[in-house]
Structure formats: C-alpha cells, structure tokens
N, C-alpha and C. Protein backbone atom coordinates (compact mmCIF):
# COMPACT_ATOMS: atom_id res chain seq x y z
N MET A 1 259.69 144.06 -50.83
CA MET A 1 259.25 143.57 -49.54
C MET A 1 258.49 144.71 -48.84
N SER A 2 257.37 144.37 -48.29
CA SER A 2 256.55 145.36 -47.60
C SER A 2 256.40 144.95 -46.13
N LYS A 3 256.76 145.85 -45.26
CA LYS A 3 256.62 145.64 -43.82
C LYS A 3 255.32 146.30 -43.37
N ILE A 4 254.59 145.61 -42.51
CA ILE A 4 253.38 146.15 -41.91
C ILE A 4 253.64 146.19 -40.41
N ILE A 5 253.54 147.36 -39.83
CA ILE A 5 253.84 147.57 -38.42
C ILE A 5 252.56 147.91 -37.69
N GLY A 6 252.36 147.28 -36.55
CA GLY A 6 251.20 147.56 -35.72
C GLY A 6 251.61 147.99 -34.33
N LEU A 7 251.02 149.08 -33.86
CA LEU A 7 251.18 149.55 -32.49
C LEU A 7 249.88 149.23 -31.77
N ILE A 8 249.96 148.52 -30.67
CA ILE A 8 248.77 147.91 -30.07
C ILE A 8 248.59 148.33 -28.61
N ARG A 9 247.38 148.77 -28.30
CA ARG A 9 246.97 149.00 -26.91
C ARG A 9 245.98 147.90 -26.56
N ILE A 10 246.34 147.06 -25.63
CA ILE A 10 245.51 145.91 -25.26
C ILE A 10 244.37 146.37 -24.36
N ILE A 11 243.15 145.99 -24.72
CA ILE A 11 241.95 146.34 -23.97
C ILE A 11 241.50 145.17 -23.10
N GLU A 12 241.47 143.98 -23.70
CA GLU A 12 240.97 142.78 -23.02
C GLU A 12 241.93 141.63 -23.31
N PRO A 13 242.78 141.25 -22.35
CA PRO A 13 243.83 140.25 -22.59
C PRO A 13 243.33 138.90 -23.11
N THR A 14 242.20 138.41 -22.63
CA THR A 14 241.71 137.12 -23.10
C THR A 14 241.33 137.19 -24.58
N ALA A 15 240.64 138.24 -24.97
CA ALA A 15 240.28 138.43 -26.38
C ALA A 15 241.54 138.65 -27.22
N PHE A 16 242.52 139.34 -26.67
CA PHE A 16 243.78 139.57 -27.37
C PHE A 16 244.46 138.24 -27.69
N GLU A 17 244.51 137.33 -26.75
CA GLU A 17 245.13 136.02 -26.98
C GLU A 17 244.33 135.22 -28.02
N ALA A 18 243.01 135.32 -27.99
CA ALA A 18 242.19 134.64 -28.99
C ALA A 18 242.49 135.19 -30.39
N TYR A 19 242.59 136.50 -30.50
CA TYR A 19 242.92 137.14 -31.78
C TYR A 19 244.29 136.69 -32.27
N ARG A 20 245.27 136.73 -31.38
CA ARG A 20 246.64 136.32 -31.76
C ARG A 20 246.68 134.88 -32.24
N GLY A 21 245.85 134.05 -31.68
CA GLY A 21 245.80 132.64 -32.08
C GLY A 21 245.25 132.41 -33.47
N GLU A 22 244.52 133.38 -34.01
CA GLU A 22 243.87 133.23 -35.32
C GLU A 22 244.49 134.07 -36.42
N VAL A 23 245.04 135.21 -36.10
CA VAL A 23 245.45 136.17 -37.13
C VAL A 23 246.57 135.64 -38.01
N GLY A 24 247.48 134.85 -37.47
CA GLY A 24 248.59 134.33 -38.27
C GLY A 24 248.14 133.51 -39.46
N ARG A 25 247.08 132.74 -39.26
CA ARG A 25 246.52 131.94 -40.35
C ARG A 25 246.06 132.84 -41.50
N THR A 26 245.41 133.96 -41.17
CA THR A 26 244.92 134.85 -42.23
C THR A 26 246.08 135.54 -42.94
N VAL A 27 247.12 135.90 -42.21
CA VAL A 27 248.30 136.50 -42.83
C VAL A 27 248.94 135.52 -43.81
N ALA A 28 249.09 134.27 -43.39
CA ALA A 28 249.73 133.24 -44.23
C ALA A 28 248.93 132.98 -45.51
N GLU A 29 247.61 133.12 -45.46
CA GLU A 29 246.78 132.91 -46.66
C GLU A 29 247.19 133.82 -47.81
N PHE A 30 247.79 134.96 -47.48
CA PHE A 30 248.17 135.95 -48.49
C PHE A 30 249.69 136.05 -48.64
N GLY A 31 250.38 134.99 -48.22
CA GLY A 31 251.83 134.94 -48.39
C GLY A 31 252.61 135.75 -47.38
N GLY A 32 251.93 136.23 -46.34
CA GLY A 32 252.60 137.05 -45.34
C GLY A 32 253.18 136.22 -44.21
N ARG A 33 254.04 136.87 -43.44
CA ARG A 33 254.68 136.23 -42.30
C ARG A 33 254.66 137.19 -41.12
N ILE A 34 254.48 136.66 -39.93
CA ILE A 34 254.64 137.47 -38.73
C ILE A 34 256.11 137.39 -38.36
N ARG A 35 256.81 138.50 -38.48
CA ARG A 35 258.25 138.54 -38.25
C ARG A 35 258.60 138.80 -36.79
N PHE A 36 257.75 139.58 -36.11
CA PHE A 36 258.06 139.93 -34.72
C PHE A 36 256.78 140.26 -33.98
N ARG A 37 256.69 139.79 -32.76
CA ARG A 37 255.65 140.18 -31.81
C ARG A 37 256.37 140.47 -30.51
N GLY A 38 256.03 141.57 -29.88
CA GLY A 38 256.69 141.84 -28.61
C GLY A 38 255.98 142.90 -27.80
N SER A 39 256.46 143.05 -26.59
CA SER A 39 255.95 144.07 -25.67
C SER A 39 256.82 145.31 -25.77
N VAL A 40 256.21 146.46 -25.64
CA VAL A 40 256.96 147.71 -25.62
C VAL A 40 257.58 147.85 -24.24
N THR A 41 258.88 148.01 -24.20
CA THR A 41 259.57 148.11 -22.92
C THR A 41 259.91 149.55 -22.55
N GLU A 42 260.02 150.43 -23.55
CA GLU A 42 260.32 151.83 -23.27
C GLU A 42 260.02 152.67 -24.50
N VAL A 43 259.43 153.83 -24.30
CA VAL A 43 259.21 154.80 -25.37
C VAL A 43 260.18 155.95 -25.14
N PHE A 44 261.03 156.22 -26.12
CA PHE A 44 262.03 157.27 -25.97
C PHE A 44 261.47 158.64 -26.36
N TRP A 45 260.66 158.69 -27.42
CA TRP A 45 260.01 159.93 -27.83
C TRP A 45 258.60 159.61 -28.30
N ASN A 46 257.69 160.54 -28.08
CA ASN A 46 256.33 160.42 -28.60
C ASN A 46 255.88 161.81 -29.01
N GLU A 47 256.60 162.39 -29.93
CA GLU A 47 256.30 163.75 -30.39
C GLU A 47 255.02 163.84 -31.21
N LEU A 48 254.52 162.71 -31.69
CA LEU A 48 253.25 162.70 -32.42
C LEU A 48 252.06 162.61 -31.49
N GLY A 49 252.31 162.37 -30.22
CA GLY A 49 251.22 162.27 -29.26
C GLY A 49 250.37 161.04 -29.43
N CYS A 50 250.97 159.93 -29.85
CA CYS A 50 250.22 158.67 -29.99
C CYS A 50 249.67 158.25 -28.64
N GLU A 51 248.50 157.64 -28.66
CA GLU A 51 247.99 157.03 -27.43
C GLU A 51 248.97 155.98 -26.97
N GLY A 52 248.94 155.68 -25.70
CA GLY A 52 249.84 154.66 -25.18
C GLY A 52 249.60 153.31 -25.82
N PHE A 53 250.66 152.54 -25.99
CA PHE A 53 250.54 151.19 -26.52
C PHE A 53 251.52 150.29 -25.79
N GLU A 54 251.12 149.00 -25.66
CA GLU A 54 251.93 148.05 -24.90
C GLU A 54 252.60 147.01 -25.77
N ALA A 55 252.16 146.84 -26.99
CA ALA A 55 252.68 145.76 -27.82
C ALA A 55 252.92 146.26 -29.24
N VAL A 56 253.74 145.52 -29.95
CA VAL A 56 254.05 145.84 -31.34
C VAL A 56 254.10 144.54 -32.13
N VAL A 57 253.74 144.63 -33.41
CA VAL A 57 253.83 143.49 -34.31
C VAL A 57 254.43 143.96 -35.62
N GLU A 58 255.20 143.09 -36.24
CA GLU A 58 255.74 143.36 -37.57
C GLU A 58 255.37 142.19 -38.48
N LEU A 59 254.66 142.51 -39.54
CA LEU A 59 254.31 141.54 -40.57
C LEU A 59 255.14 141.84 -41.80
N GLU A 60 255.30 140.83 -42.64
CA GLU A 60 256.05 141.02 -43.88
C GLU A 60 255.31 140.34 -45.01
N PHE A 61 255.13 141.06 -46.10
CA PHE A 61 254.53 140.54 -47.32
C PHE A 61 255.48 140.81 -48.47
N ASP A 62 255.44 139.96 -49.49
CA ASP A 62 256.30 140.17 -50.65
C ASP A 62 255.96 141.47 -51.37
N ARG A 63 254.66 141.78 -51.41
CA ARG A 63 254.21 142.98 -52.12
C ARG A 63 253.17 143.71 -51.29
N LEU A 64 253.12 145.02 -51.43
CA LEU A 64 252.12 145.82 -50.73
C LEU A 64 250.71 145.39 -51.13
N GLU A 65 250.54 144.98 -52.38
CA GLU A 65 249.23 144.54 -52.85
C GLU A 65 248.74 143.31 -52.06
N ASP A 66 249.68 142.43 -51.69
CA ASP A 66 249.32 141.25 -50.89
C ASP A 66 248.85 141.67 -49.49
N ALA A 67 249.52 142.67 -48.93
CA ALA A 67 249.12 143.17 -47.61
C ALA A 67 247.73 143.80 -47.68
N ARG A 68 247.47 144.57 -48.73
CA ARG A 68 246.14 145.16 -48.90
C ARG A 68 245.07 144.08 -49.05
N ALA A 69 245.38 143.06 -49.83
CA ALA A 69 244.42 141.97 -50.03
C ALA A 69 244.13 141.28 -48.70
N TRP A 70 245.15 141.07 -47.87
CA TRP A 70 244.94 140.47 -46.55
C TRP A 70 244.05 141.36 -45.69
N ALA A 71 244.38 142.65 -45.61
CA ALA A 71 243.67 143.56 -44.71
C ALA A 71 242.20 143.72 -45.07
N THR A 72 241.87 143.50 -46.33
CA THR A 72 240.48 143.67 -46.77
C THR A 72 239.78 142.34 -47.04
N SER A 73 240.45 141.23 -46.71
CA SER A 73 239.91 139.91 -47.02
C SER A 73 238.75 139.53 -46.11
N GLU A 74 237.94 138.62 -46.60
CA GLU A 74 236.83 138.09 -45.81
C GLU A 74 237.35 137.33 -44.59
N SER A 75 238.43 136.57 -44.76
CA SER A 75 238.95 135.80 -43.62
C SER A 75 239.43 136.72 -42.51
N TYR A 76 240.03 137.86 -42.86
CA TYR A 76 240.45 138.79 -41.82
C TYR A 76 239.25 139.53 -41.22
N ARG A 77 238.31 139.90 -42.06
CA ARG A 77 237.11 140.60 -41.55
C ARG A 77 236.38 139.80 -40.49
N LYS A 78 236.46 138.48 -40.57
CA LYS A 78 235.82 137.63 -39.57
C LYS A 78 236.44 137.81 -38.19
N LEU A 79 237.66 138.35 -38.12
CA LEU A 79 238.33 138.58 -36.84
C LEU A 79 238.08 139.97 -36.26
N LEU A 80 237.41 140.83 -36.99
CA LEU A 80 237.25 142.22 -36.55
C LEU A 80 236.46 142.35 -35.25
N GLU A 81 235.49 141.49 -35.04
CA GLU A 81 234.70 141.58 -33.81
C GLU A 81 235.58 141.28 -32.60
N VAL A 82 236.36 140.22 -32.66
CA VAL A 82 237.23 139.91 -31.53
C VAL A 82 238.35 140.95 -31.41
N ARG A 83 238.85 141.44 -32.55
CA ARG A 83 239.88 142.49 -32.50
C ARG A 83 239.38 143.73 -31.78
N SER A 84 238.14 144.11 -32.06
CA SER A 84 237.60 145.33 -31.44
C SER A 84 237.43 145.17 -29.93
N ARG A 85 237.20 143.95 -29.46
CA ARG A 85 237.15 143.71 -28.02
C ARG A 85 238.55 143.64 -27.42
N ALA A 86 239.50 143.18 -28.20
CA ALA A 86 240.84 142.88 -27.70
C ALA A 86 241.75 144.10 -27.59
N MET A 87 241.66 145.01 -28.56
CA MET A 87 242.70 146.03 -28.66
C MET A 87 242.27 147.24 -29.45
N ARG A 88 243.10 148.25 -29.38
CA ARG A 88 243.08 149.37 -30.31
C ARG A 88 244.43 149.29 -31.03
N VAL A 89 244.42 149.48 -32.34
CA VAL A 89 245.64 149.26 -33.10
C VAL A 89 245.82 150.35 -34.16
N THR A 90 247.05 150.76 -34.35
CA THR A 90 247.44 151.56 -35.50
C THR A 90 248.31 150.65 -36.36
N LEU A 91 247.91 150.45 -37.60
CA LEU A 91 248.60 149.53 -38.50
C LEU A 91 249.00 150.30 -39.74
N PHE A 92 250.29 150.22 -40.13
CA PHE A 92 250.74 150.96 -41.29
C PHE A 92 251.80 150.18 -42.06
N ALA A 93 251.91 150.50 -43.36
CA ALA A 93 252.89 149.85 -44.21
C ALA A 93 254.14 150.72 -44.32
N ALA A 94 255.27 150.05 -44.42
CA ALA A 94 256.56 150.74 -44.62
C ALA A 94 257.37 149.94 -45.61
N GLU A 95 258.01 150.63 -46.51
CA GLU A 95 258.88 149.97 -47.50
C GLU A 95 260.22 150.66 -47.54
C-alpha cells in the first residue's frame, strides 16, 4: 500500500474547489482512493521551514507504480492549469 500525502497552501478558493471536484476522478482511474481531506488546525513543529499550508490530503494506491502513473497521466495533466491557479502543493509518497 502506498500513501500519497499532500500539504496544500490555497491561493484561489474558487479554483481550489473546481480542482477538488475533478481530481478524485483521475485518482480513481488508477485504482487510487482519497482517504482524507482536511484543514490544518495546528502545526506543532516546523523544523524544516515549510511554507505555511492550510489543507492536507491523503491518497492511497495499491502500488507506488500506480501513484506514479496517476501523477504523470494525461488525465491529471489536464488539471495542472487549474491546480496552478488554485494552490501550491507539496506531494510525496510514504510506505
């Protein structure tokens, strides 16, 4: 099981909602699931000096290869324009 974690700084709320409305479909195309979406309520430590972020997402794929295929897919690339207006994101895999 591969977890994909995203730390999100929202730039434009309307574009963010449009992105959220479409991204789940692209995740599902590759067997992935959105396990959690939420707002950051408190940061206890930030020793890495990450930029501020307001939201977090957790995706789950059966295999890391499926997550890579999703992230580089044509269907996801079609969302990059709206994503760039909506947010800044750090996305990483954890197993």
